[in-house]
Amino acid sequence: MNVDHEVSLLVEQIHRLGTRDKDGKLKVRFGVLFNDDQCANLFEAMVETLKAAKLKKTVRNTIGKVFV
């Protein structure tokens, strides 16, 4: 698995499914990512991909939300 590629795919999906909050930050609920058919097909191990993205400081998450 190419972690950098997986993380970039995740960011693309967050842009596709997410919305901007009042501060202009892009956010999406984990459940939206998890339940989306396109994401399910792309990411066999979404939790591990999210962990890798968080370690790379590409995304951050707070209780049920993921931010880019």
PDB file of N, CA and C in Angstrom:
ATOM      1  N   MET A   1       0.840  -1.172   0.000  1.00  0.00           N
ATOM      2  CA  MET A   1       0.000   0.000   0.000  1.00  0.00           C
ATOM      3  C   MET A   1       0.885   1.235   0.000  1.00  0.00           C
ATOM      4  N   ASN A   2       0.583   2.179  -0.855  1.00  0.00           N
ATOM      5  CA  ASN A   2       1.286   3.456  -0.921  1.00  0.00           C
ATOM      6  C   ASN A   2       0.520   4.451  -0.047  1.00  0.00           C
ATOM      7  N   VAL A   3       1.050   4.728   1.132  1.00  0.00           N
ATOM      8  CA  VAL A   3       0.353   5.561   2.104  1.00  0.00           C
ATOM      9  C   VAL A   3       0.103   6.969   1.563  1.00  0.00           C
ATOM     10  N   ASP A   4       1.080   7.543   0.907  1.00  0.00           N
ATOM     11  CA  ASP A   4       0.899   8.897   0.364  1.00  0.00           C
ATOM     12  C   ASP A   4      -0.257   8.946  -0.631  1.00  0.00           C
ATOM     13  N   HIS A   5      -0.349   7.934  -1.458  1.00  0.00           N
ATOM     14  CA  HIS A   5      -1.439   7.868  -2.437  1.00  0.00           C
ATOM     15  C   HIS A   5      -2.786   7.715  -1.733  1.00  0.00           C
ATOM     16  N   GLU A   6      -2.846   6.832  -0.734  1.00  0.00           N
ATOM     17  CA  GLU A   6      -4.087   6.619   0.018  1.00  0.00           C
ATOM     18  C   GLU A   6      -4.532   7.913   0.694  1.00  0.00           C
ATOM     19  N   VAL A   7      -3.586   8.623   1.285  1.00  0.00           N
ATOM     20  CA  VAL A   7      -3.911   9.878   1.969  1.00  0.00           C
ATOM     21  C   VAL A   7      -4.423  10.908   0.966  1.00  0.00           C
ATOM     22  N   SER A   8      -3.816  10.994  -0.210  1.00  0.00           N
ATOM     23  CA  SER A   8      -4.287  11.956  -1.208  1.00  0.00           C
ATOM     24  C   SER A   8      -5.695  11.603  -1.697  1.00  0.00           C
ATOM     25  N   LEU A   9      -5.990  10.306  -1.821  1.00  0.00           N
ATOM     26  CA  LEU A   9      -7.344   9.885  -2.180  1.00  0.00           C
ATOM     27  C   LEU A   9      -8.340  10.272  -1.093  1.00  0.00           C
ATOM     28  N   LEU A  10      -7.928  10.116   0.160  1.00  0.00           N
ATOM     29  CA  LEU A  10      -8.789  10.484   1.277  1.00  0.00           C
ATOM     30  C   LEU A  10      -9.101  11.982   1.248  1.00  0.00           C
ATOM     31  N   VAL A  11      -8.095  12.788   1.012  1.00  0.00           N
ATOM     32  CA  VAL A  11      -8.296  14.239   0.945  1.00  0.00           C
ATOM     33  C   VAL A  11      -9.260  14.587  -0.184  1.00  0.00           C
ATOM     34  N   GLU A  12      -9.136  13.928  -1.319  1.00  0.00           N
ATOM     35  CA  GLU A  12     -10.069  14.158  -2.433  1.00  0.00           C
ATOM     36  C   GLU A  12     -11.505  13.853  -2.014  1.00  0.00           C
ATOM     37  N   GLN A  13     -11.694  12.756  -1.282  1.00  0.00           N
ATOM     38  CA  GLN A  13     -13.036  12.372  -0.852  1.00  0.00           C
ATOM     39  C   GLN A  13     -13.586  13.342   0.183  1.00  0.00           C
ATOM     40  N   ILE A  14     -12.723  13.857   1.047  1.00  0.00           N
ATOM     41  CA  ILE A  14     -13.165  14.857   2.022  1.00  0.00           C
ATOM     42  C   ILE A  14     -13.617  16.111   1.297  1.00  0.00           C
ATOM     43  N   HIS A  15     -12.906  16.496   0.252  1.00  0.00           N
ATOM     44  CA  HIS A  15     -13.318  17.657  -0.545  1.00  0.00           C
ATOM     45  C   HIS A  15     -14.649  17.377  -1.237  1.00  0.00           C
ATOM     46  N   ARG A  16     -14.838  16.160  -1.709  1.00  0.00           N
ATOM     47  CA  ARG A  16     -16.082  15.806  -2.412  1.00  0.00           C
ATOM     48  C   ARG A  16     -17.280  15.789  -1.471  1.00  0.00           C
ATOM     49  N   LEU A  17     -17.100  15.233  -0.279  1.00  0.00           N
ATOM     50  CA  LEU A  17     -18.221  15.021   0.626  1.00  0.00           C
ATOM     51  C   LEU A  17     -18.367  16.078   1.719  1.00  0.00           C
ATOM     52  N   GLY A  18     -17.325  16.841   1.927  1.00  0.00           N
ATOM     53  CA  GLY A  18     -17.305  17.761   3.057  1.00  0.00           C
ATOM     54  C   GLY A  18     -18.005  19.084   2.806  1.00  0.00           C
ATOM     55  N   THR A  19     -18.114  19.832   3.879  1.00  0.00           N
ATOM     56  CA  THR A  19     -18.666  21.186   3.846  1.00  0.00           C
ATOM     57  C   THR A  19     -17.714  22.098   4.614  1.00  0.00           C
ATOM     58  N   ARG A  20     -17.831  23.379   4.372  1.00  0.00           N
ATOM     59  CA  ARG A  20     -17.004  24.364   5.073  1.00  0.00           C
ATOM     60  C   ARG A  20     -17.749  24.844   6.315  1.00  0.00           C
ATOM     61  N   ASP A  21     -17.019  24.950   7.424  1.00  0.00           N
ATOM     62  CA  ASP A  21     -17.636  25.502   8.621  1.00  0.00           C
ATOM     63  C   ASP A  21     -17.536  27.017   8.596  1.00  0.00           C
ATOM     64  N   LYS A  22     -17.984  27.680   9.660  1.00  0.00           N
ATOM     65  CA  LYS A  22     -18.020  29.144   9.663  1.00  0.00           C
ATOM     66  C   LYS A  22     -16.633  29.765   9.581  1.00  0.00           C
ATOM     67  N   ASP A  23     -15.591  28.994   9.944  1.00  0.00           N
ATOM     68  CA  ASP A  23     -14.214  29.472   9.841  1.00  0.00           C
ATOM     69  C   ASP A  23     -13.580  29.147   8.494  1.00  0.00           C
ATOM     70  N   GLY A  24     -14.352  28.502   7.612  1.00  0.00           N
ATOM     71  CA  GLY A  24     -13.848  28.163   6.292  1.00  0.00           C
ATOM     72  C   GLY A  24     -13.092  26.847   6.232  1.00  0.00           C
ATOM     73  N   LYS A  25     -13.056  26.120   7.348  1.00  0.00           N
ATOM     74  CA  LYS A  25     -12.354  24.830   7.371  1.00  0.00           C
ATOM     75  C   LYS A  25     -13.254  23.753   6.790  1.00  0.00           C
ATOM     76  N   LEU A  26     -12.660  22.895   5.992  1.00  0.00           N
ATOM     77  CA  LEU A  26     -13.397  21.800   5.373  1.00  0.00           C
ATOM     78  C   LEU A  26     -13.567  20.686   6.388  1.00  0.00           C
ATOM     79  N   LYS A  27     -14.791  20.163   6.520  1.00  0.00           N
ATOM     80  CA  LYS A  27     -15.045  19.103   7.491  1.00  0.00           C
ATOM     81  C   LYS A  27     -16.018  18.095   6.900  1.00  0.00           C
ATOM     82  N   VAL A  28     -15.938  16.884   7.428  1.00  0.00           N
ATOM     83  CA  VAL A  28     -16.877  15.828   7.049  1.00  0.00           C
ATOM     84  C   VAL A  28     -16.983  14.875   8.231  1.00  0.00           C
ATOM     85  N   ARG A  29     -18.157  14.382   8.476  1.00  0.00           N
ATOM     86  CA  ARG A  29     -18.350  13.402   9.555  1.00  0.00           C
ATOM     87  C   ARG A  29     -17.808  12.047   9.102  1.00  0.00           C
ATOM     88  N   PHE A  30     -17.218  11.332  10.060  1.00  0.00           N
ATOM     89  CA  PHE A  30     -16.659  10.024   9.752  1.00  0.00           C
ATOM     90  C   PHE A  30     -17.720   9.113   9.149  1.00  0.00           C
ATOM     91  N   GLY A  31     -18.922   9.157   9.696  1.00  0.00           N
ATOM     92  CA  GLY A  31     -19.999   8.303   9.198  1.00  0.00           C
ATOM     93  C   GLY A  31     -20.322   8.540   7.736  1.00  0.00           C
ATOM     94  N   VAL A  32     -20.179   9.784   7.290  1.00  0.00           N
ATOM     95  CA  VAL A  32     -20.421  10.113   5.878  1.00  0.00           C
ATOM     96  C   VAL A  32     -19.371   9.412   5.019  1.00  0.00           C
ATOM     97  N   LEU A  33     -18.112   9.489   5.440  1.00  0.00           N
ATOM     98  CA  LEU A  33     -17.049   8.795   4.703  1.00  0.00           C
ATOM     99  C   LEU A  33     -17.266   7.287   4.743  1.00  0.00           C
ATOM    100  N   PHE A  34     -17.565   6.782   5.922  1.00  0.00           N
ATOM    101  CA  PHE A  34     -17.695   5.344   6.131  1.00  0.00           C
ATOM    102  C   PHE A  34     -18.846   4.752   5.330  1.00  0.00           C
ATOM    103  N   ASN A  35     -19.940   5.489   5.232  1.00  0.00           N
ATOM    104  CA  ASN A  35     -21.138   4.970   4.559  1.00  0.00           C
ATOM    105  C   ASN A  35     -21.204   5.274   3.070  1.00  0.00           C
ATOM    106  N   ASP A  36     -20.273   6.050   2.562  1.00  0.00           N
ATOM    107  CA  ASP A  36     -20.264   6.401   1.142  1.00  0.00           C
ATOM    108  C   ASP A  36     -19.736   5.224   0.316  1.00  0.00           C
ATOM    109  N   ASP A  37     -20.490   4.816  -0.699  1.00  0.00           N
ATOM    110  CA  ASP A  37     -20.098   3.663  -1.516  1.00  0.00           C
ATOM    111  C   ASP A  37     -18.765   3.879  -2.230  1.00  0.00           C
ATOM    112  N   GLN A  38     -18.551   5.074  -2.750  1.00  0.00           N
ATOM    113  CA  GLN A  38     -17.300   5.342  -3.463  1.00  0.00           C
ATOM    114  C   GLN A  38     -16.106   5.229  -2.508  1.00  0.00           C
ATOM    115  N   CYS A  39     -16.252   5.768  -1.303  1.00  0.00           N
ATOM    116  CA  CYS A  39     -15.169   5.655  -0.309  1.00  0.00           C
ATOM    117  C   CYS A  39     -14.951   4.195   0.090  1.00  0.00           C
ATOM    118  N   ALA A  40     -16.035   3.475   0.268  1.00  0.00           N
ATOM    119  CA  ALA A  40     -15.911   2.071   0.656  1.00  0.00           C
ATOM    120  C   ALA A  40     -15.137   1.284  -0.394  1.00  0.00           C
ATOM    121  N   ASN A  41     -15.343   1.617  -1.653  1.00  0.00           N
ATOM    122  CA  ASN A  41     -14.619   0.934  -2.720  1.00  0.00           C
ATOM    123  C   ASN A  41     -13.156   1.350  -2.777  1.00  0.00           C
ATOM    124  N   LEU A  42     -12.873   2.605  -2.438  1.00  0.00           N
ATOM    125  CA  LEU A  42     -11.499   3.100  -2.490  1.00  0.00           C
ATOM    126  C   LEU A  42     -10.658   2.628  -1.307  1.00  0.00           C
ATOM    127  N   PHE A  43     -11.254   2.614  -0.147  1.00  0.00           N
ATOM    128  CA  PHE A  43     -10.484   2.372   1.075  1.00  0.00           C
ATOM    129  C   PHE A  43     -10.945   1.100   1.772  1.00  0.00           C
ATOM    130  N   GLU A  44     -10.162   0.066   1.637  1.00  0.00           N
ATOM    131  CA  GLU A  44     -10.487  -1.178   2.314  1.00  0.00           C
ATOM    132  C   GLU A  44     -10.293  -1.024   3.813  1.00  0.00           C
ATOM    133  N   ALA A  45      -9.351  -0.201   4.205  1.00  0.00           N
ATOM    134  CA  ALA A  45      -9.053   0.008   5.618  1.00  0.00           C
ATOM    135  C   ALA A  45      -9.080   1.504   5.921  1.00  0.00           C
ATOM    136  N   MET A  46     -10.279   2.087   5.896  1.00  0.00           N
ATOM    137  CA  MET A  46     -10.401   3.525   6.050  1.00  0.00           C
ATOM    138  C   MET A  46      -9.827   4.024   7.376  1.00  0.00           C
ATOM    139  N   VAL A  47     -10.034   3.293   8.440  1.00  0.00           N
ATOM    140  CA  VAL A  47      -9.520   3.732   9.737  1.00  0.00           C
ATOM    141  C   VAL A  47      -8.001   3.840   9.697  1.00  0.00           C
ATOM    142  N   GLU A  48      -7.345   2.867   9.101  1.00  0.00           N
ATOM    143  CA  GLU A  48      -5.883   2.911   8.998  1.00  0.00           C
ATOM    144  C   GLU A  48      -5.429   4.063   8.103  1.00  0.00           C
ATOM    145  N   THR A  49      -6.182   4.331   7.033  1.00  0.00           N
ATOM    146  CA  THR A  49      -5.850   5.454   6.154  1.00  0.00           C
ATOM    147  C   THR A  49      -5.998   6.771   6.907  1.00  0.00           C
ATOM    148  N   LEU A  50      -7.063   6.902   7.712  1.00  0.00           N
ATOM    149  CA  LEU A  50      -7.243   8.109   8.518  1.00  0.00           C
ATOM    150  C   LEU A  50      -6.110   8.274   9.527  1.00  0.00           C
ATOM    151  N   LYS A  51      -5.694   7.168  10.145  1.00  0.00           N
ATOM    152  CA  LYS A  51      -4.576   7.229  11.093  1.00  0.00           C
ATOM    153  C   LYS A  51      -3.301   7.694  10.400  1.00  0.00           C
ATOM    154  N   ALA A  52      -3.048   7.169   9.215  1.00  0.00           N
ATOM    155  CA  ALA A  52      -1.850   7.554   8.464  1.00  0.00           C
ATOM    156  C   ALA A  52      -1.914   9.033   8.098  1.00  0.00           C
ATOM    157  N   ALA A  53      -3.082   9.502   7.679  1.00  0.00           N
ATOM    158  CA  ALA A  53      -3.239  10.915   7.320  1.00  0.00           C
ATOM    159  C   ALA A  53      -3.049  11.805   8.543  1.00  0.00           C
ATOM    160  N   LYS A  54      -3.545  11.347   9.680  1.00  0.00           N
ATOM    161  CA  LYS A  54      -3.382  12.123  10.911  1.00  0.00           C
ATOM    162  C   LYS A  54      -1.913  12.182  11.321  1.00  0.00           C
ATOM    163  N   LEU A  55      -1.201  11.066  11.228  1.00  0.00           N
ATOM    164  CA  LEU A  55       0.221  11.049  11.555  1.00  0.00           C
ATOM    165  C   LEU A  55       1.027  11.966  10.640  1.00  0.00           C
ATOM    166  N   LYS A  56       0.606  12.062   9.391  1.00  0.00           N
ATOM    167  CA  LYS A  56       1.295  12.933   8.433  1.00  0.00           C
ATOM    168  C   LYS A  56       0.840  14.387   8.586  1.00  0.00           C
ATOM    169  N   LYS A  57      -0.088  14.622   9.514  1.00  0.00           N
ATOM    170  CA  LYS A  57      -0.644  15.956   9.772  1.00  0.00           C
ATOM    171  C   LYS A  57      -1.334  16.531   8.539  1.00  0.00           C
ATOM    172  N   THR A  58      -1.901  15.635   7.724  1.00  0.00           N
ATOM    173  CA  THR A  58      -2.677  16.043   6.558  1.00  0.00           C
ATOM    174  C   THR A  58      -4.107  16.359   6.981  1.00  0.00           C
ATOM    175  N   VAL A  59      -4.617  15.609   7.938  1.00  0.00           N
ATOM    176  CA  VAL A  59      -5.959  15.841   8.480  1.00  0.00           C
ATOM    177  C   VAL A  59      -5.874  15.823   9.997  1.00  0.00           C
ATOM    178  N   ARG A  60      -6.931  16.358  10.612  1.00  0.00           N
ATOM    179  CA  ARG A  60      -7.076  16.222  12.061  1.00  0.00           C
ATOM    180  C   ARG A  60      -8.522  15.837  12.296  1.00  0.00           C
ATOM    181  N   ASN A  61      -8.753  15.167  13.383  1.00  0.00           N
ATOM    182  CA  ASN A  61     -10.130  14.779  13.653  1.00  0.00           C
ATOM    183  C   ASN A  61     -10.502  15.090  15.089  1.00  0.00           C
ATOM    184  N   THR A  62     -11.773  15.360  15.276  1.00  0.00           N
ATOM    185  CA  THR A  62     -12.356  15.546  16.586  1.00  0.00           C
ATOM    186  C   THR A  62     -13.649  14.772  16.571  1.00  0.00           C
ATOM    187  N   ILE A  63     -14.019  14.257  17.661  1.00  0.00           N
ATOM    188  CA  ILE A  63     -15.216  13.452  17.863  1.00  0.00           C
ATOM    189  C   ILE A  63     -16.146  13.377  16.647  1.00  0.00           C
ATOM    190  N   GLY A  64     -15.895  12.403  15.804  1.00  0.00           N
ATOM    191  CA  GLY A  64     -16.767  12.125  14.674  1.00  0.00           C
ATOM    192  C   GLY A  64     -16.611  12.999  13.452  1.00  0.00           C
ATOM    193  N   LYS A  65     -15.673  13.955  13.467  1.00  0.00           N
ATOM    194  CA  LYS A  65     -15.471  14.826  12.304  1.00  0.00           C
ATOM    195  C   LYS A  65     -14.019  14.753  11.868  1.00  0.00           C
ATOM    196  N   VAL A  66     -13.817  14.939  10.586  1.00  0.00           N
ATOM    197  CA  VAL A  66     -12.463  14.934  10.020  1.00  0.00           C
ATOM    198  C   VAL A  66     -12.254  16.267   9.326  1.00  0.00           C
ATOM    199  N   PHE A  67     -11.136  16.924   9.599  1.00  0.00           N
ATOM    200  CA  PHE A  67     -10.822  18.227   9.015  1.00  0.00           C
ATOM    201  C   PHE A  67      -9.584  18.120   8.153  1.00  0.00           C
ATOM    202  N   VAL A  68      -9.587  18.861   7.048  1.00  0.00           N
ATOM    203  CA  VAL A  68      -8.407  18.931   6.179  1.00  0.00           C
ATOM    204  C   VAL A  68      -7.657  20.193   6.524  1.00  0.00           C
TER     205      VAL A  68
END
